[in-house]
C-alpha atoms as a PDB file:
ATOM      1  CA  UNK A   1     -40.421 -83.662 -54.032  1.00  0.00           C
ATOM      2  CA  UNK A   2     -39.357 -84.875 -57.681  1.00  0.00           C
ATOM      3  CA  UNK A   3     -35.799 -84.155 -58.989  1.00  0.00           C
ATOM      4  CA  UNK A   4     -35.676 -85.023 -62.429  1.00  0.00           C
ATOM      5  CA  UNK A   5     -32.144 -86.092 -64.047  1.00  0.00           C
ATOM      6  CA  UNK A   6     -31.114 -85.534 -67.143  1.00  0.00           C
ATOM      7  CA  UNK A   7     -28.191 -86.601 -69.471  1.00  0.00           C
ATOM      8  CA  UNK A   8     -25.633 -84.055 -70.718  1.00  0.00           C
ATOM      9  CA  UNK A   9     -22.667 -85.528 -72.345  1.00  0.00           C
ATOM     10  CA  UNK A  10     -22.414 -88.556 -69.590  1.00  0.00           C
ATOM     11  CA  UNK A  11     -22.798 -85.888 -66.931  1.00  0.00           C
ATOM     12  CA  UNK A  12     -25.961 -86.097 -64.536  1.00  0.00           C
ATOM     13  CA  UNK A  13     -27.469 -82.609 -63.583  1.00  0.00           C
ATOM     14  CA  UNK A  14     -30.487 -82.155 -61.644  1.00  0.00           C
ATOM     15  CA  UNK A  15     -33.107 -80.781 -63.282  1.00  0.00           C
ATOM     16  CA  UNK A  16     -35.855 -78.143 -61.542  1.00  0.00           C
ATOM     17  CA  UNK A  17     -39.421 -79.435 -61.917  1.00  0.00           C
ATOM     18  CA  UNK A  18     -42.169 -76.875 -62.003  1.00  0.00           C
ATOM     19  CA  UNK A  19     -43.513 -77.631 -58.263  1.00  0.00           C
ATOM     20  CA  UNK A  20     -40.110 -77.027 -56.601  1.00  0.00           C
ATOM     21  CA  UNK A  21     -38.547 -73.827 -54.999  1.00  0.00           C
ATOM     22  CA  UNK A  22     -34.610 -72.634 -56.113  1.00  0.00           C
ATOM     23  CA  UNK A  23     -33.598 -72.960 -52.797  1.00  0.00           C
ATOM     24  CA  UNK A  24     -34.737 -76.917 -52.449  1.00  0.00           C
ATOM     25  CA  UNK A  25     -33.015 -77.677 -55.503  1.00  0.00           C
ATOM     26  CA  UNK A  26     -29.440 -76.039 -53.830  1.00  0.00           C
ATOM     27  CA  UNK A  27     -30.215 -77.838 -50.541  1.00  0.00           C
ATOM     28  CA  UNK A  28     -30.547 -80.861 -52.016  1.00  0.00           C
ATOM     29  CA  UNK A  29     -27.564 -80.450 -54.030  1.00  0.00           C
ATOM     30  CA  UNK A  30     -25.481 -79.420 -51.222  1.00  0.00           C
ATOM     31  CA  UNK A  31     -27.276 -82.637 -48.849  1.00  0.00           C
ATOM     32  CA  UNK A  32     -25.755 -84.800 -52.043  1.00  0.00           C
ATOM     33  CA  UNK A  33     -22.717 -83.338 -52.391  1.00  0.00           C
ATOM     34  CA  UNK A  34     -21.994 -84.226 -48.425  1.00  0.00           C
ATOM     35  CA  UNK A  35     -22.942 -87.177 -48.635  1.00  0.00           C
ATOM     36  CA  UNK A  36     -20.799 -88.000 -51.375  1.00  0.00           C
ATOM     37  CA  UNK A  37     -17.473 -86.267 -49.662  1.00  0.00           C
ATOM     38  CA  UNK A  38     -18.741 -88.427 -46.800  1.00  0.00           C
ATOM     39  CA  UNK A  39     -18.136 -91.645 -49.195  1.00  0.00           C
ATOM     40  CA  UNK A  40     -15.243 -90.631 -50.704  1.00  0.00           C
ATOM     41  CA  UNK A  41     -13.344 -89.823 -47.091  1.00  0.00           C
ATOM     42  CA  UNK A  42     -14.741 -93.664 -46.563  1.00  0.00           C
ATOM     43  CA  UNK A  43     -13.176 -95.178 -49.686  1.00  0.00           C
ATOM     44  CA  UNK A  44      -9.989 -93.205 -49.015  1.00  0.00           C
ATOM     45  CA  UNK A  45      -9.540 -94.501 -45.203  1.00  0.00           C
ATOM     46  CA  UNK A  46     -10.572 -98.109 -46.514  1.00  0.00           C
ATOM     47  CA  UNK A  47      -7.692 -97.739 -49.206  1.00  0.00           C
ATOM     48  CA  UNK A  48      -5.051 -96.084 -47.065  1.00  0.00           C
ATOM     49  CA  UNK A  49      -5.616 -99.612 -44.326  1.00  0.00           C
ATOM     50  CA  UNK A  50      -4.646-101.693 -47.621  1.00  0.00           C
ATOM     51  CA  UNK A  51      -1.061-100.226 -47.874  1.00  0.00           C
ATOM     52  CA  UNK A  52       1.653-102.236 -46.147  1.00  0.00           C
ATOM     53  CA  UNK A  53       1.978-100.547 -42.424  1.00  0.00           C
ATOM     54  CA  UNK A  54       5.495 -99.161 -43.484  1.00  0.00           C
ATOM     55  CA  UNK A  55       4.050 -97.266 -46.563  1.00  0.00           C
ATOM     56  CA  UNK A  56       0.768 -96.061 -44.924  1.00  0.00           C
ATOM     57  CA  UNK A  57       2.403 -94.625 -42.252  1.00  0.00           C
ATOM     58  CA  UNK A  58       4.897 -92.587 -44.837  1.00  0.00           C
ATOM     59  CA  UNK A  59       1.734 -91.315 -46.598  1.00  0.00           C
ATOM     60  CA  UNK A  60       0.326 -90.032 -43.622  1.00  0.00           C
ATOM     61  CA  UNK A  61       3.028 -88.533 -42.240  1.00  0.00           C
ATOM     62  CA  UNK A  62       3.311 -86.656 -45.716  1.00  0.00           C
ATOM     63  CA  UNK A  63      -0.186 -85.931 -45.728  1.00  0.00           C
ATOM     64  CA  UNK A  64       0.220 -84.233 -42.177  1.00  0.00           C
ATOM     65  CA  UNK A  65       2.899 -82.120 -42.879  1.00  0.00           C
ATOM     66  CA  UNK A  66       1.404 -80.872 -46.568  1.00  0.00           C
ATOM     67  CA  UNK A  67       0.848 -77.464 -44.963  1.00  0.00           C
ATOM     68  CA  UNK A  68       3.573 -74.523 -44.227  1.00  0.00           C
ATOM     69  CA  UNK A  69       5.451 -74.341 -40.942  1.00  0.00           C
ATOM     70  CA  UNK A  70       6.913 -71.488 -39.600  1.00  0.00           C
ATOM     71  CA  UNK A  71       9.798 -70.973 -37.145  1.00  0.00           C
ATOM     72  CA  UNK A  72      12.126 -68.462 -35.675  1.00  0.00           C
ATOM     73  CA  UNK A  73      15.459 -69.723 -35.671  1.00  0.00           C
ATOM     74  CA  UNK A  74      18.795 -68.244 -34.520  1.00  0.00           C
ATOM     75  CA  UNK A  75      22.018 -68.071 -36.544  1.00  0.00           C
ATOM     76  CA  UNK A  76      25.099 -66.229 -35.955  1.00  0.00           C
ATOM     77  CA  UNK A  77      23.218 -64.065 -33.611  1.00  0.00           C
ATOM     78  CA  UNK A  78      20.707 -63.492 -35.924  1.00  0.00           C
ATOM     79  CA  UNK A  79      17.014 -64.257 -35.749  1.00  0.00           C
ATOM     80  CA  UNK A  80      15.882 -65.711 -38.855  1.00  0.00           C
ATOM     81  CA  UNK A  81      12.016 -66.429 -39.871  1.00  0.00           C
ATOM     82  CA  UNK A  82      11.514 -69.329 -41.644  1.00  0.00           C
ATOM     83  CA  UNK A  83       8.936 -71.243 -43.590  1.00  0.00           C
ATOM     84  CA  UNK A  84       8.925 -74.649 -45.037  1.00  0.00           C
ATOM     85  CA  UNK A  85       7.008 -76.624 -47.570  1.00  0.00           C
ATOM     86  CA  UNK A  86       7.000 -80.030 -48.617  1.00  0.00           C
ATOM     87  CA  UNK A  87       6.867 -79.881 -52.294  1.00  0.00           C
ATOM     88  CA  UNK A  88       8.638 -83.228 -52.964  1.00  0.00           C
ATOM     89  CA  UNK A  89       6.192 -84.373 -56.110  1.00  0.00           C
ATOM     90  CA  UNK A  90       7.913 -81.045 -58.059  1.00  0.00           C
ATOM     91  CA  UNK A  91      10.845 -80.746 -59.731  1.00  0.00           C
ATOM     92  CA  UNK A  92      13.019 -77.467 -59.188  1.00  0.00           C
ATOM     93  CA  UNK A  93      11.981 -76.035 -62.120  1.00  0.00           C
ATOM     94  CA  UNK A  94       8.879 -77.046 -61.939  1.00  0.00           C
ATOM     95  CA  UNK A  95       8.262 -74.331 -58.524  1.00  0.00           C
ATOM     96  CA  UNK A  96       8.583 -70.366 -58.399  1.00  0.00           C
ATOM     97  CA  UNK A  97       8.397 -68.077 -55.454  1.00  0.00           C
ATOM     98  CA  UNK A  98       6.997 -64.424 -56.031  1.00  0.00           C
ATOM     99  CA  UNK A  99       6.788 -61.519 -53.613  1.00  0.00           C
ATOM    100  CA  UNK A 100       4.173 -58.929 -54.829  1.00  0.00           C
ATOM    101  CA  UNK A 101       4.497 -56.314 -51.674  1.00  0.00           C
ATOM    102  CA  UNK A 102       4.320 -58.189 -48.201  1.00  0.00           C
ATOM    103  CA  UNK A 103       2.494 -61.468 -50.199  1.00  0.00           C
ATOM    104  CA  UNK A 104       4.568 -63.984 -50.529  1.00  0.00           C
ATOM    105  CA  UNK A 105       2.912 -66.971 -52.946  1.00  0.00           C
ATOM    106  CA  UNK A 106       4.693 -70.083 -53.776  1.00  0.00           C
ATOM    107  CA  UNK A 107       3.325 -72.191 -56.661  1.00  0.00           C
ATOM    108  CA  UNK A 108       4.151 -75.484 -58.410  1.00  0.00           C
ATOM    109  CA  UNK A 109       2.654 -77.013 -61.396  1.00  0.00           C
ATOM    110  CA  UNK A 110       3.634 -80.540 -62.359  1.00  0.00           C
ATOM    111  CA  UNK A 111       2.006 -82.341 -65.284  1.00  0.00           C
ATOM    112  CA  UNK A 112       2.365 -85.269 -67.315  1.00  0.00           C
ATOM    113  CA  UNK A 113       1.332 -88.256 -69.493  1.00  0.00           C
ATOM    114  CA  UNK A 114       0.378 -91.254 -67.979  1.00  0.00           C
ATOM    115  CA  UNK A 115       0.789 -94.660 -69.125  1.00  0.00           C
ATOM    116  CA  UNK A 116      -2.636 -94.903 -70.938  1.00  0.00           C
ATOM    117  CA  UNK A 117      -2.077 -91.552 -72.449  1.00  0.00           C
ATOM    118  CA  UNK A 118      -3.424 -89.349 -70.251  1.00  0.00           C
ATOM    119  CA  UNK A 119      -2.626 -85.687 -69.070  1.00  0.00           C
ATOM    120  CA  UNK A 120      -2.224 -85.638 -65.278  1.00  0.00           C
ATOM    121  CA  UNK A 121      -2.061 -82.430 -63.430  1.00  0.00           C
ATOM    122  CA  UNK A 122      -0.780 -81.477 -59.919  1.00  0.00           C
ATOM    123  CA  UNK A 123      -0.926 -78.091 -58.604  1.00  0.00           C
ATOM    124  CA  UNK A 124       0.073 -76.739 -55.171  1.00  0.00           C
ATOM    125  CA  UNK A 125      -0.598 -72.577 -54.418  1.00  0.00           C
ATOM    126  CA  UNK A 126       0.112 -71.141 -51.036  1.00  0.00           C
ATOM    127  CA  UNK A 127       0.467 -67.820 -49.922  1.00  0.00           C
ATOM    128  CA  UNK A 128       1.235 -65.538 -46.936  1.00  0.00           C
ATOM    129  CA  UNK A 129       2.025 -62.435 -45.409  1.00  0.00           C
ATOM    130  CA  UNK A 130       5.129 -61.337 -44.113  1.00  0.00           C
ATOM    131  CA  UNK A 131       4.571 -59.600 -40.639  1.00  0.00           C
ATOM    132  CA  UNK A 132       5.169 -56.090 -40.317  1.00  0.00           C
ATOM    133  CA  UNK A 133       8.732 -54.146 -40.630  1.00  0.00           C
ATOM    134  CA  UNK A 134      10.188 -57.885 -42.839  1.00  0.00           C
ATOM    135  CA  UNK A 135      10.838 -56.918 -46.383  1.00  0.00           C
ATOM    136  CA  UNK A 136      10.314 -59.051 -49.161  1.00  0.00           C
ATOM    137  CA  UNK A 137      13.885 -58.389 -50.968  1.00  0.00           C
ATOM    138  CA  UNK A 138      15.511 -60.101 -48.476  1.00  0.00           C
ATOM    139  CA  UNK A 139      13.762 -63.552 -48.792  1.00  0.00           C
ATOM    140  CA  UNK A 140      15.789 -66.408 -49.498  1.00  0.00           C
ATOM    141  CA  UNK A 141      14.463 -69.679 -50.748  1.00  0.00           C
ATOM    142  CA  UNK A 142      16.405 -73.142 -50.769  1.00  0.00           C
ATOM    143  CA  UNK A 143      15.101 -76.538 -52.238  1.00  0.00           C
ATOM    144  CA  UNK A 144      16.543 -79.431 -49.659  1.00  0.00           C
ATOM    145  CA  UNK A 145      17.162 -82.497 -51.963  1.00  0.00           C
ATOM    146  CA  UNK A 146      14.165 -84.226 -50.108  1.00  0.00           C
ATOM    147  CA  UNK A 147      11.974 -81.794 -51.474  1.00  0.00           C
ATOM    148  CA  UNK A 148      11.063 -79.367 -49.225  1.00  0.00           C
ATOM    149  CA  UNK A 149      11.204 -75.829 -49.660  1.00  0.00           C
ATOM    150  CA  UNK A 150      12.794 -73.417 -47.169  1.00  0.00           C
ATOM    151  CA  UNK A 151      12.020 -69.172 -47.210  1.00  0.00           C
ATOM    152  CA  UNK A 152      13.799 -67.562 -44.662  1.00  0.00           C
ATOM    153  CA  UNK A 153      14.739 -64.072 -44.202  1.00  0.00           C
ATOM    154  CA  UNK A 154      16.277 -61.722 -41.238  1.00  0.00           C
ATOM    155  CA  UNK A 155      13.829 -60.490 -38.821  1.00  0.00           C
ATOM    156  CA  UNK A 156      14.827 -56.302 -37.972  1.00  0.00           C
ATOM    157  CA  UNK A 157      16.779 -55.810 -34.554  1.00  0.00           C
ATOM    158  CA  UNK A 158      14.596 -56.013 -31.628  1.00  0.00           C
ATOM    159  CA  UNK A 159      11.728 -57.028 -33.805  1.00  0.00           C
ATOM    160  CA  UNK A 160       9.048 -58.916 -31.561  1.00  0.00           C
ATOM    161  CA  UNK A 161       7.330 -61.442 -33.416  1.00  0.00           C
ATOM    162  CA  UNK A 162       4.352 -63.484 -32.392  1.00  0.00           C
ATOM    163  CA  UNK A 163       3.856 -66.591 -34.291  1.00  0.00           C
ATOM    164  CA  UNK A 164       0.733 -68.468 -33.607  1.00  0.00           C
ATOM    165  CA  UNK A 165      -0.668 -65.771 -31.820  1.00  0.00           C
ATOM    166  CA  UNK A 166      -4.161 -67.566 -31.904  1.00  0.00           C
ATOM    167  CA  UNK A 167      -7.584 -65.469 -30.300  1.00  0.00           C
ATOM    168  CA  UNK A 168     -11.325 -66.451 -31.089  1.00  0.00           C
ATOM    169  CA  UNK A 169     -13.471 -64.372 -33.332  1.00  0.00           C
ATOM    170  CA  UNK A 170     -17.083 -64.244 -32.259  1.00  0.00           C
ATOM    171  CA  UNK A 171     -19.623 -65.220 -34.823  1.00  0.00           C
ATOM    172  CA  UNK A 172     -22.637 -63.369 -35.519  1.00  0.00           C
ATOM    173  CA  UNK A 173     -25.871 -65.072 -36.933  1.00  0.00           C
ATOM    174  CA  UNK A 174     -28.109 -63.353 -38.921  1.00  0.00           C
ATOM    175  CA  UNK A 175     -31.900 -64.142 -38.450  1.00  0.00           C
ATOM    176  CA  UNK A 176     -32.335 -64.852 -42.124  1.00  0.00           C
ATOM    177  CA  UNK A 177     -35.778 -65.714 -44.032  1.00  0.00           C
ATOM    178  CA  UNK A 178     -36.147 -68.035 -46.487  1.00  0.00           C
ATOM    179  CA  UNK A 179     -36.488 -65.917 -50.224  1.00  0.00           C
ATOM    180  CA  UNK A 180     -39.950 -67.144 -51.584  1.00  0.00           C
END
Protein backbone atom coordinates (compact mmCIF):
# COMPACT_ATOMS: atom_id res chain seq x y z
CA UNK A 1 0.00 0.00 0.00
CA UNK A 2 1.56 3.26 -1.11
CA UNK A 3 0.84 6.53 0.65
CA UNK A 4 1.85 9.70 -1.13
CA UNK A 5 2.26 12.99 0.69
CA UNK A 6 1.91 16.40 -0.85
CA UNK A 7 2.72 19.73 0.68
CA UNK A 8 -0.16 22.20 0.97
CA UNK A 9 0.99 25.44 2.62
CA UNK A 10 3.59 23.67 4.76
CA UNK A 11 1.05 21.09 5.94
CA UNK A 12 1.50 17.44 5.08
CA UNK A 13 -1.72 15.71 3.97
CA UNK A 14 -2.13 12.06 3.01
CA UNK A 15 -3.21 11.56 -0.59
CA UNK A 16 -4.93 8.40 -1.75
CA UNK A 17 -3.35 6.48 -4.59
CA UNK A 18 -5.54 4.76 -7.15
CA UNK A 19 -4.96 1.25 -5.73
CA UNK A 20 -6.09 2.20 -2.19
CA UNK A 21 -9.52 1.74 -0.73
CA UNK A 22 -10.91 4.82 1.05
CA UNK A 23 -11.22 3.00 4.40
CA UNK A 24 -7.56 1.99 4.40
CA UNK A 25 -6.54 5.65 4.18
CA UNK A 26 -8.58 6.40 7.29
CA UNK A 27 -7.16 3.40 9.11
CA UNK A 28 -3.65 4.58 8.30
CA UNK A 29 -4.49 8.10 9.45
CA UNK A 30 -5.97 6.74 12.68
CA UNK A 31 -2.89 4.59 13.30
CA UNK A 32 -0.61 7.58 12.66
CA UNK A 33 -2.65 9.83 14.97
CA UNK A 34 -2.40 7.26 17.75
CA UNK A 35 1.36 7.03 17.25
CA UNK A 36 1.63 10.82 17.38
CA UNK A 37 -0.45 10.90 20.58
CA UNK A 38 1.89 8.36 22.19
CA UNK A 39 4.90 10.47 21.14
CA UNK A 40 3.32 13.64 22.56
CA UNK A 41 2.45 11.87 25.83
CA UNK A 42 6.05 10.61 26.07
CA UNK A 43 7.48 14.10 25.43
CA UNK A 44 5.07 15.57 27.99
CA UNK A 45 6.17 13.07 30.66
CA UNK A 46 9.82 13.80 29.89
CA UNK A 47 9.32 17.57 30.08
CA UNK A 48 7.47 17.29 33.41
CA UNK A 49 10.39 15.31 34.84
CA UNK A 50 12.77 18.21 34.10
CA UNK A 51 10.84 20.53 36.46
CA UNK A 52 12.05 21.02 40.02
CA UNK A 53 10.22 18.65 42.41
CA UNK A 54 8.04 21.36 44.00
CA UNK A 55 6.92 22.77 40.62
CA UNK A 56 6.25 19.30 39.23
CA UNK A 57 4.10 18.38 42.24
CA UNK A 58 2.14 21.65 41.99
CA UNK A 59 1.61 21.20 38.26
CA UNK A 60 0.39 17.62 38.60
CA UNK A 61 -1.91 18.60 41.47
CA UNK A 62 -3.50 21.38 39.41
CA UNK A 63 -3.81 19.06 36.39
CA UNK A 64 -5.53 16.40 38.49
CA UNK A 65 -8.02 18.96 39.82
CA UNK A 66 -8.84 20.40 36.40
CA UNK A 67 -12.31 18.90 36.43
CA UNK A 68 -15.39 19.92 38.32
CA UNK A 69 -15.98 18.50 41.74
CA UNK A 70 -19.37 18.36 43.38
CA UNK A 71 -20.40 17.99 46.97
CA UNK A 72 -23.30 18.49 49.35
CA UNK A 73 -22.60 20.79 52.30
CA UNK A 74 -24.72 21.75 55.25
CA UNK A 75 -24.79 25.44 56.18
CA UNK A 76 -27.16 27.07 58.68
CA UNK A 77 -29.20 23.86 58.81
CA UNK A 78 -29.78 23.82 55.05
CA UNK A 79 -28.21 21.52 52.48
CA UNK A 80 -26.34 23.11 49.59
CA UNK A 81 -25.24 21.51 46.35
CA UNK A 82 -21.81 22.87 45.48
CA UNK A 83 -19.74 22.57 42.29
CA UNK A 84 -16.10 23.74 42.16
CA UNK A 85 -13.98 24.58 39.10
CA UNK A 86 -10.29 25.45 39.00
CA UNK A 87 -10.06 28.62 36.88
CA UNK A 88 -6.85 30.09 38.27
CA UNK A 89 -5.59 30.87 34.73
CA UNK A 90 -8.45 33.29 34.05
CA UNK A 91 -9.30 36.80 35.20
CA UNK A 92 -12.77 37.33 36.74
CA UNK A 93 -13.92 39.35 33.71
CA UNK A 94 -12.98 36.42 31.41
CA UNK A 95 -15.36 34.00 33.15
CA UNK A 96 -19.09 33.62 32.43
CA UNK A 97 -21.65 31.36 34.11
CA UNK A 98 -24.99 30.87 32.34
CA UNK A 99 -28.01 28.69 32.99
CA UNK A 100 -30.42 27.58 30.29
CA UNK A 101 -33.32 25.56 31.66
CA UNK A 102 -31.56 23.00 33.89
CA UNK A 103 -28.15 23.12 32.15
CA UNK A 104 -25.36 25.29 33.55
CA UNK A 105 -22.45 26.37 31.36
CA UNK A 106 -19.12 27.72 32.61
CA UNK A 107 -17.11 29.45 29.92
CA UNK A 108 -13.77 31.20 30.33
CA UNK A 109 -11.65 32.64 27.56
CA UNK A 110 -8.22 34.24 27.82
CA UNK A 111 -6.15 35.68 25.01
CA UNK A 112 -2.91 37.62 25.00
CA UNK A 113 0.15 38.37 22.87
CA UNK A 114 3.36 36.67 23.91
CA UNK A 115 6.83 38.24 23.69
CA UNK A 116 7.27 37.04 20.10
CA UNK A 117 4.03 38.78 19.08
CA UNK A 118 1.98 35.59 18.72
CA UNK A 119 -1.66 35.45 19.75
CA UNK A 120 -2.17 32.92 22.54
CA UNK A 121 -5.65 31.60 23.35
CA UNK A 122 -6.83 29.54 26.30
CA UNK A 123 -10.44 28.44 26.66
CA UNK A 124 -12.35 26.47 29.28
CA UNK A 125 -15.92 25.22 28.89
CA UNK A 126 -17.87 22.88 31.15
CA UNK A 127 -21.55 21.95 31.18
CA UNK A 128 -23.55 20.18 33.83
CA UNK A 129 -27.20 19.37 34.31
CA UNK A 130 -28.86 20.33 37.57
CA UNK A 131 -30.55 17.50 39.46
CA UNK A 132 -34.31 17.26 39.29
CA UNK A 133 -36.04 19.77 41.58
CA UNK A 134 -33.05 22.15 41.77
CA UNK A 135 -33.88 25.59 40.38
CA UNK A 136 -31.33 27.44 38.22
CA UNK A 137 -32.59 30.81 39.45
CA UNK A 138 -31.27 29.98 42.95
CA UNK A 139 -27.68 29.46 41.73
CA UNK A 140 -24.94 31.63 43.21
CA UNK A 141 -21.34 31.74 42.05
CA UNK A 142 -18.23 32.97 43.85
CA UNK A 143 -14.64 33.22 42.65
CA UNK A 144 -11.97 32.79 45.33
CA UNK A 145 -8.66 34.67 45.38
CA UNK A 146 -6.95 31.40 44.37
CA UNK A 147 -9.12 31.14 41.23
CA UNK A 148 -11.59 28.46 42.31
CA UNK A 149 -15.09 29.12 41.03
CA UNK A 150 -17.77 27.78 43.38
CA UNK A 151 -21.36 27.45 42.16
CA UNK A 152 -23.89 26.54 44.79
CA UNK A 153 -27.61 26.23 45.19
CA UNK A 154 -29.89 25.15 48.02
CA UNK A 155 -31.36 21.68 47.82
CA UNK A 156 -35.14 21.50 48.30
CA UNK A 157 -36.35 20.17 51.68
CA UNK A 158 -36.28 16.40 51.80
CA UNK A 159 -34.47 16.16 48.47
CA UNK A 160 -32.63 12.87 48.11
CA UNK A 161 -29.56 13.60 46.01
CA UNK A 162 -27.37 10.72 44.98
CA UNK A 163 -24.05 12.12 43.86
CA UNK A 164 -21.59 9.83 42.15
CA UNK A 165 -24.12 7.09 41.46
CA UNK A 166 -22.40 4.69 39.16
CA UNK A 167 -23.76 1.81 37.19
CA UNK A 168 -22.39 -0.16 34.28
CA UNK A 169 -23.92 0.29 30.88
CA UNK A 170 -23.52 -2.77 28.68
CA UNK A 171 -21.94 -2.21 25.29
CA UNK A 172 -23.60 -3.97 22.41
CA UNK A 173 -21.38 -4.87 19.50
CA UNK A 174 -22.61 -4.87 15.97
CA UNK A 175 -21.08 -7.17 13.41
CA UNK A 176 -20.24 -4.74 10.62
CA UNK A 177 -18.71 -5.65 7.31
CA UNK A 178 -16.14 -3.42 5.68
CA UNK A 179 -17.61 -1.18 2.99
CA UNK A 180 -16.14 -1.90 -0.41
